[in-house]
């Protein structure tokens, strides 16, 4: 085998190994920055209007009609696989006020409290890019059922699309 061909073959193999290695990177390794969170069940993006503490986070169906800053969420890594998520418009953090089922998600001034810390879980649909958002304090995931605008926390179950959030 000529030397030039051998060098090219090694380069091709190295790129294949590199691509294979990249697919083994945890799904959340690339989640840093600002995204809209689109809910798979019934559509709609997560948003919060205004800048007042304890304002409810809702799912808004018109998120593709316009690009408003109140539907932009910044995913700021605190620890490996733990994020603080804050709204670009209000600069307030995505929070759940308690550990109970169906507690509504709200925005609050960012304090770093555990109720403002989130894990992104894989939905077992990695090609779709969907994630579940689990609160570190409660261990529950954000859900927004079809036909509802409420964003609440509920038991994490990856088979239910109303817990899937596609980050765009």
N, C-alpha and C. Protein backbone atom coordinates (compact mmCIF):
# COMPACT_ATOMS: atom_id res chain seq x y z
N UNK A 1 0.85 -1.17 0.00
CA UNK A 1 0.00 0.00 0.00
C UNK A 1 0.90 1.24 0.00
N UNK A 2 0.68 2.17 -0.95
CA UNK A 2 1.49 3.39 -0.99
C UNK A 2 1.31 4.20 0.30
N UNK A 3 2.39 4.92 0.67
CA UNK A 3 2.40 5.67 1.92
C UNK A 3 1.28 6.72 1.97
N UNK A 4 1.02 7.45 0.87
CA UNK A 4 -0.03 8.48 0.85
C UNK A 4 -1.41 7.87 1.11
N UNK A 5 -1.66 6.70 0.53
CA UNK A 5 -2.94 6.02 0.73
C UNK A 5 -3.07 5.58 2.18
N UNK A 6 -2.00 5.08 2.76
CA UNK A 6 -2.01 4.65 4.16
C UNK A 6 -2.30 5.83 5.08
N UNK A 7 -1.69 6.99 4.80
CA UNK A 7 -1.92 8.19 5.61
C UNK A 7 -3.37 8.63 5.50
N UNK A 8 -3.94 8.61 4.29
CA UNK A 8 -5.34 8.99 4.10
C UNK A 8 -6.26 8.02 4.82
N UNK A 9 -5.93 6.72 4.75
CA UNK A 9 -6.74 5.72 5.42
C UNK A 9 -6.74 5.94 6.94
N UNK A 10 -5.58 6.24 7.50
CA UNK A 10 -5.47 6.52 8.93
C UNK A 10 -6.30 7.76 9.28
N UNK A 11 -6.26 8.79 8.45
CA UNK A 11 -7.03 10.01 8.70
C UNK A 11 -8.53 9.72 8.67
N UNK A 12 -8.98 8.91 7.70
CA UNK A 12 -10.39 8.54 7.62
C UNK A 12 -10.80 7.75 8.85
N UNK A 13 -9.99 6.78 9.23
CA UNK A 13 -10.31 5.97 10.42
C UNK A 13 -10.34 6.83 11.67
N UNK A 14 -9.43 7.79 11.78
CA UNK A 14 -9.41 8.68 12.94
C UNK A 14 -10.69 9.50 13.01
N UNK A 15 -11.18 9.96 11.85
CA UNK A 15 -12.42 10.75 11.86
C UNK A 15 -13.62 9.88 12.22
N UNK A 16 -13.63 8.63 11.80
CA UNK A 16 -14.72 7.71 12.16
C UNK A 16 -14.70 7.46 13.66
N UNK A 17 -13.52 7.23 14.23
CA UNK A 17 -13.40 7.02 15.67
C UNK A 17 -13.86 8.28 16.40
N UNK A 18 -13.49 9.45 15.90
CA UNK A 18 -13.89 10.71 16.52
C UNK A 18 -15.41 10.85 16.52
N UNK A 19 -16.08 10.56 15.40
CA UNK A 19 -17.53 10.65 15.32
C UNK A 19 -18.17 9.66 16.27
N UNK A 20 -17.64 8.44 16.32
CA UNK A 20 -18.17 7.43 17.23
C UNK A 20 -18.03 7.89 18.67
N UNK A 21 -16.91 8.46 19.02
CA UNK A 21 -16.69 8.95 20.37
C UNK A 21 -17.67 10.07 20.69
N UNK A 22 -17.92 10.96 19.75
CA UNK A 22 -18.83 12.07 20.00
C UNK A 22 -20.25 11.59 20.29
N UNK A 23 -20.68 10.51 19.69
CA UNK A 23 -22.04 10.03 19.94
C UNK A 23 -22.18 9.47 21.34
N UNK A 24 -21.06 9.18 22.02
CA UNK A 24 -21.12 8.70 23.38
C UNK A 24 -21.09 9.81 24.41
N UNK A 25 -21.00 11.05 23.97
CA UNK A 25 -21.03 12.18 24.88
C UNK A 25 -22.43 12.26 25.49
N UNK A 26 -22.55 12.50 26.80
CA UNK A 26 -23.88 12.61 27.40
C UNK A 26 -24.75 13.61 26.64
N UNK A 27 -26.03 13.31 26.54
CA UNK A 27 -26.96 14.10 25.74
C UNK A 27 -26.98 15.56 26.14
N UNK A 28 -26.67 15.87 27.37
CA UNK A 28 -26.77 17.25 27.86
C UNK A 28 -25.48 18.05 27.71
N UNK A 29 -24.42 17.43 27.23
CA UNK A 29 -23.14 18.10 27.16
C UNK A 29 -23.19 19.36 26.30
N UNK A 30 -24.10 19.41 25.34
CA UNK A 30 -24.18 20.56 24.44
C UNK A 30 -25.23 21.58 24.87
N UNK A 31 -25.90 21.37 25.99
CA UNK A 31 -26.96 22.28 26.42
C UNK A 31 -26.37 23.38 27.30
N UNK A 32 -26.02 24.47 26.68
CA UNK A 32 -25.56 25.67 27.36
C UNK A 32 -26.03 26.82 26.49
N UNK A 33 -26.64 27.82 27.09
CA UNK A 33 -27.11 28.96 26.32
C UNK A 33 -28.61 29.12 26.39
N UNK A 34 -29.15 29.85 25.41
CA UNK A 34 -30.56 30.23 25.43
C UNK A 34 -31.36 29.42 24.42
N UNK A 35 -32.52 28.92 24.88
CA UNK A 35 -33.39 28.08 24.05
C UNK A 35 -34.85 28.44 24.30
N UNK A 36 -35.69 28.04 23.36
CA UNK A 36 -37.12 27.97 23.60
C UNK A 36 -37.42 26.52 23.91
N UNK A 37 -38.31 26.26 24.88
CA UNK A 37 -38.67 24.90 25.26
C UNK A 37 -40.05 24.60 24.70
N UNK A 38 -40.08 23.80 23.63
CA UNK A 38 -41.32 23.44 22.94
C UNK A 38 -41.85 22.13 23.52
N UNK A 39 -43.10 22.13 23.97
CA UNK A 39 -43.71 20.94 24.56
C UNK A 39 -44.32 20.07 23.48
N UNK A 40 -44.01 18.78 23.50
CA UNK A 40 -44.47 17.86 22.46
C UNK A 40 -45.97 17.59 22.50
N UNK A 41 -46.60 17.69 23.65
CA UNK A 41 -48.03 17.37 23.77
C UNK A 41 -48.85 18.60 23.45
N UNK A 42 -49.47 18.61 22.30
CA UNK A 42 -50.32 19.73 21.93
C UNK A 42 -49.57 20.97 21.48
N UNK A 43 -48.25 20.91 21.47
CA UNK A 43 -47.44 22.03 21.01
C UNK A 43 -47.42 23.18 22.00
N UNK A 44 -46.63 24.15 21.70
CA UNK A 44 -46.53 25.34 22.53
C UNK A 44 -45.20 25.42 23.26
N UNK A 45 -44.76 26.65 23.48
CA UNK A 45 -43.50 26.90 24.17
C UNK A 45 -43.74 27.42 25.58
N UNK A 46 -42.81 27.09 26.45
CA UNK A 46 -42.86 27.55 27.82
C UNK A 46 -42.48 29.03 27.86
N UNK A 47 -43.31 29.82 28.55
CA UNK A 47 -43.00 31.24 28.68
C UNK A 47 -43.53 31.79 29.99
N UNK A 48 -43.05 32.95 30.34
CA UNK A 48 -43.54 33.67 31.51
C UNK A 48 -43.59 35.15 31.13
N UNK A 49 -44.71 35.80 31.47
CA UNK A 49 -44.87 37.20 31.11
C UNK A 49 -44.59 38.09 32.31
N UNK A 50 -43.86 39.16 32.06
CA UNK A 50 -43.56 40.11 33.13
C UNK A 50 -42.32 39.74 33.92
N UNK A 51 -42.10 40.52 34.97
CA UNK A 51 -40.87 40.35 35.76
C UNK A 51 -41.16 40.16 37.25
N UNK A 52 -42.41 39.90 37.60
CA UNK A 52 -42.81 39.79 39.00
C UNK A 52 -42.55 38.37 39.51
N UNK A 53 -41.99 38.27 40.73
CA UNK A 53 -41.80 36.96 41.36
C UNK A 53 -43.13 36.24 41.49
N UNK A 54 -43.08 34.91 41.42
CA UNK A 54 -44.23 34.01 41.57
C UNK A 54 -45.23 34.08 40.42
N UNK A 55 -44.84 34.67 39.29
CA UNK A 55 -45.69 34.63 38.11
C UNK A 55 -45.64 33.23 37.52
N UNK A 56 -46.82 32.67 37.19
CA UNK A 56 -46.89 31.31 36.65
C UNK A 56 -46.20 31.20 35.29
N UNK A 57 -45.49 30.12 35.13
CA UNK A 57 -44.92 29.75 33.83
C UNK A 57 -46.03 29.02 33.08
N UNK A 58 -46.21 29.33 31.80
CA UNK A 58 -47.29 28.72 31.02
C UNK A 58 -46.74 28.19 29.70
N UNK A 59 -47.59 27.42 29.04
CA UNK A 59 -47.28 26.95 27.68
C UNK A 59 -48.12 27.80 26.73
N UNK A 60 -47.47 28.42 25.76
CA UNK A 60 -48.15 29.30 24.82
C UNK A 60 -48.07 28.70 23.44
N UNK A 61 -49.22 28.55 22.81
CA UNK A 61 -49.28 27.85 21.52
C UNK A 61 -48.74 28.69 20.36
N UNK A 62 -48.61 29.98 20.54
CA UNK A 62 -48.16 30.84 19.44
C UNK A 62 -46.67 31.03 19.36
N UNK A 63 -45.91 30.10 19.90
CA UNK A 63 -44.47 30.34 19.97
C UNK A 63 -43.78 30.34 18.62
N UNK A 64 -44.39 29.77 17.60
CA UNK A 64 -43.75 29.79 16.29
C UNK A 64 -44.17 31.01 15.48
N UNK A 65 -45.20 31.73 15.95
CA UNK A 65 -45.68 32.90 15.22
C UNK A 65 -44.76 34.10 15.37
N UNK A 66 -44.12 34.21 16.51
CA UNK A 66 -43.24 35.34 16.79
C UNK A 66 -42.15 34.89 17.75
N UNK A 67 -41.10 35.65 17.81
CA UNK A 67 -39.96 35.29 18.64
C UNK A 67 -39.85 36.31 19.78
N UNK A 68 -40.54 36.03 20.89
CA UNK A 68 -40.57 36.95 22.03
C UNK A 68 -39.54 36.55 23.09
N UNK A 69 -38.91 37.52 23.73
CA UNK A 69 -37.90 37.19 24.75
C UNK A 69 -38.47 36.47 25.97
N UNK A 70 -39.79 36.59 26.21
CA UNK A 70 -40.36 35.91 27.39
C UNK A 70 -40.48 34.40 27.19
N UNK A 71 -40.17 33.91 25.99
CA UNK A 71 -40.17 32.46 25.75
C UNK A 71 -38.75 31.91 25.61
N UNK A 72 -37.76 32.73 25.91
CA UNK A 72 -36.35 32.31 25.85
C UNK A 72 -35.86 31.99 27.25
N UNK A 73 -35.25 30.82 27.38
CA UNK A 73 -34.74 30.34 28.67
C UNK A 73 -33.26 30.06 28.55
N UNK A 74 -32.50 30.58 29.51
CA UNK A 74 -31.06 30.37 29.53
C UNK A 74 -30.74 29.18 30.42
N UNK A 75 -30.04 28.19 29.86
CA UNK A 75 -29.62 27.00 30.58
C UNK A 75 -28.18 27.21 31.04
N UNK A 76 -28.03 27.48 32.32
CA UNK A 76 -26.74 27.80 32.91
C UNK A 76 -26.27 26.63 33.76
N UNK A 77 -25.21 25.92 33.35
CA UNK A 77 -24.75 24.76 34.13
C UNK A 77 -24.18 25.18 35.48
N UNK A 78 -24.65 24.53 36.55
CA UNK A 78 -24.13 24.79 37.90
C UNK A 78 -23.13 23.71 38.29
N UNK A 79 -23.50 22.48 38.00
CA UNK A 79 -22.69 21.30 38.29
C UNK A 79 -22.85 20.37 37.09
N UNK A 80 -22.08 19.29 37.03
CA UNK A 80 -22.33 18.35 35.93
C UNK A 80 -23.79 17.87 35.96
N UNK A 81 -24.49 18.09 34.87
CA UNK A 81 -25.88 17.68 34.68
C UNK A 81 -26.89 18.40 35.57
N UNK A 82 -26.51 19.50 36.20
CA UNK A 82 -27.44 20.31 36.99
C UNK A 82 -27.42 21.73 36.43
N UNK A 83 -28.62 22.27 36.16
CA UNK A 83 -28.75 23.58 35.53
C UNK A 83 -29.59 24.52 36.36
N UNK A 84 -29.27 25.79 36.26
CA UNK A 84 -30.18 26.85 36.67
C UNK A 84 -30.77 27.37 35.36
N UNK A 85 -32.08 27.47 35.29
CA UNK A 85 -32.75 27.90 34.07
C UNK A 85 -33.44 29.22 34.37
N UNK A 86 -33.05 30.27 33.65
CA UNK A 86 -33.70 31.56 33.89
C UNK A 86 -34.23 32.15 32.59
N UNK A 87 -35.28 32.95 32.74
CA UNK A 87 -35.95 33.57 31.61
C UNK A 87 -35.13 34.76 31.11
N UNK A 88 -34.92 34.84 29.81
CA UNK A 88 -34.12 35.92 29.23
C UNK A 88 -34.75 37.29 29.45
N UNK A 89 -36.07 37.37 29.44
CA UNK A 89 -36.75 38.65 29.59
C UNK A 89 -36.71 39.15 31.03
N UNK A 90 -37.10 38.31 31.96
CA UNK A 90 -37.22 38.74 33.36
C UNK A 90 -35.94 38.55 34.16
N UNK A 91 -35.06 37.67 33.67
CA UNK A 91 -33.83 37.29 34.38
C UNK A 91 -34.16 36.56 35.69
N UNK A 92 -35.38 36.02 35.79
CA UNK A 92 -35.81 35.27 36.97
C UNK A 92 -35.71 33.77 36.67
N UNK A 93 -35.54 32.98 37.73
CA UNK A 93 -35.31 31.54 37.58
C UNK A 93 -36.60 30.73 37.57
N UNK A 94 -36.56 29.67 36.77
CA UNK A 94 -37.61 28.67 36.75
C UNK A 94 -37.57 27.95 38.10
N UNK A 95 -38.71 27.95 38.79
CA UNK A 95 -38.77 27.47 40.17
C UNK A 95 -40.06 26.68 40.39
N UNK A 96 -40.02 25.69 41.25
CA UNK A 96 -41.25 25.10 41.77
C UNK A 96 -41.26 25.39 43.27
N UNK A 97 -42.38 25.95 43.77
CA UNK A 97 -42.40 26.45 45.15
C UNK A 97 -42.42 25.36 46.22
N UNK A 98 -42.79 24.13 45.85
CA UNK A 98 -42.81 23.05 46.84
C UNK A 98 -42.66 21.71 46.13
N UNK A 99 -42.72 20.64 46.89
CA UNK A 99 -42.48 19.30 46.34
C UNK A 99 -43.75 18.56 45.94
N UNK A 100 -44.89 19.20 46.01
CA UNK A 100 -46.14 18.48 45.77
C UNK A 100 -46.42 18.26 44.28
N UNK A 101 -47.13 17.16 44.00
CA UNK A 101 -47.58 16.89 42.64
C UNK A 101 -48.47 18.04 42.18
N UNK A 102 -48.36 18.39 40.93
CA UNK A 102 -49.15 19.44 40.29
C UNK A 102 -48.86 20.85 40.79
N UNK A 103 -47.76 21.04 41.52
CA UNK A 103 -47.36 22.41 41.88
C UNK A 103 -46.97 23.13 40.60
N UNK A 104 -47.47 24.35 40.45
CA UNK A 104 -47.19 25.12 39.23
C UNK A 104 -45.77 25.65 39.23
N UNK A 105 -45.17 25.65 38.06
CA UNK A 105 -43.86 26.26 37.88
C UNK A 105 -44.05 27.77 37.86
N UNK A 106 -43.15 28.50 38.51
CA UNK A 106 -43.20 29.96 38.57
C UNK A 106 -41.80 30.50 38.31
N UNK A 107 -41.73 31.81 38.17
CA UNK A 107 -40.43 32.47 38.12
C UNK A 107 -40.19 33.17 39.45
N UNK A 108 -38.95 33.12 39.90
CA UNK A 108 -38.55 33.80 41.14
C UNK A 108 -37.14 34.33 40.97
N UNK A 109 -36.81 35.32 41.76
CA UNK A 109 -35.45 35.84 41.76
C UNK A 109 -34.48 34.68 42.00
N UNK A 110 -33.44 34.63 41.20
CA UNK A 110 -32.48 33.53 41.30
C UNK A 110 -31.68 33.63 42.60
N UNK A 111 -31.73 32.55 43.38
CA UNK A 111 -31.00 32.50 44.65
C UNK A 111 -30.02 31.34 44.70
N UNK A 112 -30.14 30.43 43.72
CA UNK A 112 -29.31 29.23 43.74
C UNK A 112 -29.90 28.12 44.59
N UNK A 113 -31.12 28.33 45.10
CA UNK A 113 -31.74 27.30 45.94
C UNK A 113 -31.97 26.03 45.14
N UNK A 114 -32.11 24.92 45.84
CA UNK A 114 -32.28 23.63 45.19
C UNK A 114 -33.59 23.56 44.41
N UNK A 115 -34.59 24.37 44.79
CA UNK A 115 -35.86 24.39 44.05
C UNK A 115 -35.71 25.08 42.69
N UNK A 116 -34.54 25.68 42.44
CA UNK A 116 -34.25 26.33 41.16
C UNK A 116 -33.20 25.56 40.37
N UNK A 117 -32.95 24.32 40.76
CA UNK A 117 -31.96 23.50 40.07
C UNK A 117 -32.66 22.39 39.30
N UNK A 118 -32.18 22.15 38.09
CA UNK A 118 -32.86 21.24 37.16
C UNK A 118 -31.89 20.26 36.52
N UNK A 119 -32.38 19.05 36.30
CA UNK A 119 -31.67 18.04 35.52
C UNK A 119 -32.42 17.84 34.21
N UNK A 120 -31.69 17.59 33.16
CA UNK A 120 -32.29 17.28 31.86
C UNK A 120 -32.18 15.79 31.66
N UNK A 121 -33.33 15.13 31.59
CA UNK A 121 -33.36 13.68 31.43
C UNK A 121 -33.64 13.32 29.98
N UNK A 122 -33.06 12.24 29.54
CA UNK A 122 -33.29 11.73 28.19
C UNK A 122 -34.67 11.09 28.13
N UNK A 123 -35.36 11.27 27.02
CA UNK A 123 -36.69 10.68 26.83
C UNK A 123 -36.61 9.32 26.15
N UNK A 124 -35.41 8.83 25.93
CA UNK A 124 -35.18 7.61 25.16
C UNK A 124 -35.54 7.79 23.70
N UNK A 125 -35.65 9.03 23.25
CA UNK A 125 -35.86 9.38 21.85
C UNK A 125 -34.73 10.35 21.45
N UNK A 126 -33.47 9.92 21.54
CA UNK A 126 -32.35 10.85 21.35
C UNK A 126 -32.31 11.52 20.00
N UNK A 127 -32.85 10.88 18.98
CA UNK A 127 -32.82 11.51 17.66
C UNK A 127 -33.76 12.71 17.59
N UNK A 128 -34.73 12.76 18.48
CA UNK A 128 -35.70 13.85 18.46
C UNK A 128 -35.19 15.06 19.24
N UNK A 129 -34.25 14.87 20.15
CA UNK A 129 -33.72 15.98 20.91
C UNK A 129 -34.58 16.38 22.09
N UNK A 130 -35.58 15.58 22.41
CA UNK A 130 -36.46 15.91 23.54
C UNK A 130 -35.77 15.62 24.86
N UNK A 131 -36.11 16.43 25.85
CA UNK A 131 -35.60 16.24 27.21
C UNK A 131 -36.78 16.35 28.17
N UNK A 132 -36.62 15.75 29.33
CA UNK A 132 -37.55 15.99 30.43
C UNK A 132 -36.80 16.89 31.41
N UNK A 133 -37.50 17.84 32.02
CA UNK A 133 -36.91 18.77 32.97
C UNK A 133 -37.31 18.34 34.38
N UNK A 134 -36.34 17.79 35.13
CA UNK A 134 -36.63 17.31 36.49
C UNK A 134 -36.06 18.27 37.52
N UNK A 135 -36.91 18.67 38.46
CA UNK A 135 -36.48 19.54 39.55
C UNK A 135 -35.65 18.73 40.54
N UNK A 136 -34.50 19.25 40.92
CA UNK A 136 -33.59 18.54 41.80
C UNK A 136 -34.21 18.37 43.19
N UNK A 137 -34.90 19.38 43.69
CA UNK A 137 -35.48 19.33 45.03
C UNK A 137 -36.63 18.33 45.12
N UNK A 138 -37.57 18.41 44.21
CA UNK A 138 -38.76 17.55 44.29
C UNK A 138 -38.57 16.20 43.61
N UNK A 139 -37.65 16.12 42.65
CA UNK A 139 -37.48 14.90 41.88
C UNK A 139 -38.60 14.69 40.86
N UNK A 140 -39.42 15.71 40.64
CA UNK A 140 -40.55 15.64 39.72
C UNK A 140 -40.22 16.40 38.44
N UNK A 141 -40.92 16.04 37.35
CA UNK A 141 -40.66 16.63 36.03
C UNK A 141 -41.75 17.61 35.63
N UNK A 142 -41.36 18.60 34.82
CA UNK A 142 -42.34 19.55 34.30
C UNK A 142 -43.21 18.87 33.25
N UNK A 143 -44.48 19.19 33.30
CA UNK A 143 -45.46 18.59 32.40
C UNK A 143 -46.44 19.68 31.96
N UNK A 144 -46.89 19.59 30.74
CA UNK A 144 -47.98 20.45 30.27
C UNK A 144 -48.84 19.62 29.35
N UNK A 145 -49.99 19.25 29.84
CA UNK A 145 -50.85 18.36 29.08
C UNK A 145 -51.49 19.06 27.90
N UNK A 146 -51.79 18.27 26.87
CA UNK A 146 -52.48 18.80 25.69
C UNK A 146 -53.78 19.46 26.14
N UNK A 147 -54.09 20.61 25.59
CA UNK A 147 -55.32 21.32 25.94
C UNK A 147 -55.18 22.20 27.17
N UNK A 148 -54.02 22.21 27.79
CA UNK A 148 -53.80 23.02 28.99
C UNK A 148 -52.65 23.98 28.75
N UNK A 149 -52.68 25.12 29.42
CA UNK A 149 -51.54 26.03 29.35
C UNK A 149 -50.68 25.94 30.61
N UNK A 150 -51.17 25.25 31.63
CA UNK A 150 -50.43 25.15 32.90
C UNK A 150 -49.16 24.32 32.72
N UNK A 151 -48.10 24.76 33.37
CA UNK A 151 -46.86 23.99 33.45
C UNK A 151 -46.70 23.63 34.92
N UNK A 152 -46.80 22.34 35.22
CA UNK A 152 -46.75 21.85 36.60
C UNK A 152 -45.72 20.74 36.70
N UNK A 153 -45.46 20.30 37.92
CA UNK A 153 -44.54 19.18 38.10
C UNK A 153 -45.34 17.92 38.42
N UNK A 154 -44.81 16.79 37.91
CA UNK A 154 -45.48 15.52 38.07
C UNK A 154 -44.44 14.40 38.05
N UNK A 155 -44.83 13.20 38.44
CA UNK A 155 -43.93 12.06 38.43
C UNK A 155 -43.31 11.89 37.04
N UNK A 156 -42.00 11.74 36.99
CA UNK A 156 -41.30 11.60 35.71
C UNK A 156 -41.60 10.25 35.07
N UNK A 157 -42.12 10.28 33.85
CA UNK A 157 -42.41 9.06 33.10
C UNK A 157 -42.11 9.34 31.63
N UNK A 158 -41.02 8.77 31.13
CA UNK A 158 -40.55 9.12 29.79
C UNK A 158 -41.49 8.69 28.68
N UNK A 159 -42.46 7.84 28.95
CA UNK A 159 -43.36 7.40 27.88
C UNK A 159 -44.44 8.44 27.57
N UNK A 160 -44.56 9.48 28.38
CA UNK A 160 -45.60 10.49 28.16
C UNK A 160 -45.03 11.74 27.50
N UNK A 161 -45.54 12.05 26.32
CA UNK A 161 -45.02 13.18 25.54
C UNK A 161 -45.29 14.53 26.18
N UNK A 162 -46.23 14.62 27.12
CA UNK A 162 -46.49 15.92 27.76
C UNK A 162 -45.37 16.32 28.70
N UNK A 163 -44.40 15.43 28.91
CA UNK A 163 -43.22 15.75 29.70
C UNK A 163 -42.00 16.00 28.82
N UNK A 164 -42.17 15.90 27.50
CA UNK A 164 -41.04 16.07 26.59
C UNK A 164 -40.94 17.53 26.17
N UNK A 165 -39.76 18.09 26.34
CA UNK A 165 -39.49 19.48 25.95
C UNK A 165 -38.36 19.46 24.92
N UNK A 166 -38.67 19.98 23.74
CA UNK A 166 -37.68 20.06 22.67
C UNK A 166 -37.06 21.44 22.74
N UNK A 167 -35.75 21.50 22.92
CA UNK A 167 -35.04 22.77 23.07
C UNK A 167 -34.60 23.28 21.71
N UNK A 168 -35.13 24.43 21.32
CA UNK A 168 -34.81 25.02 20.01
C UNK A 168 -34.29 26.45 20.18
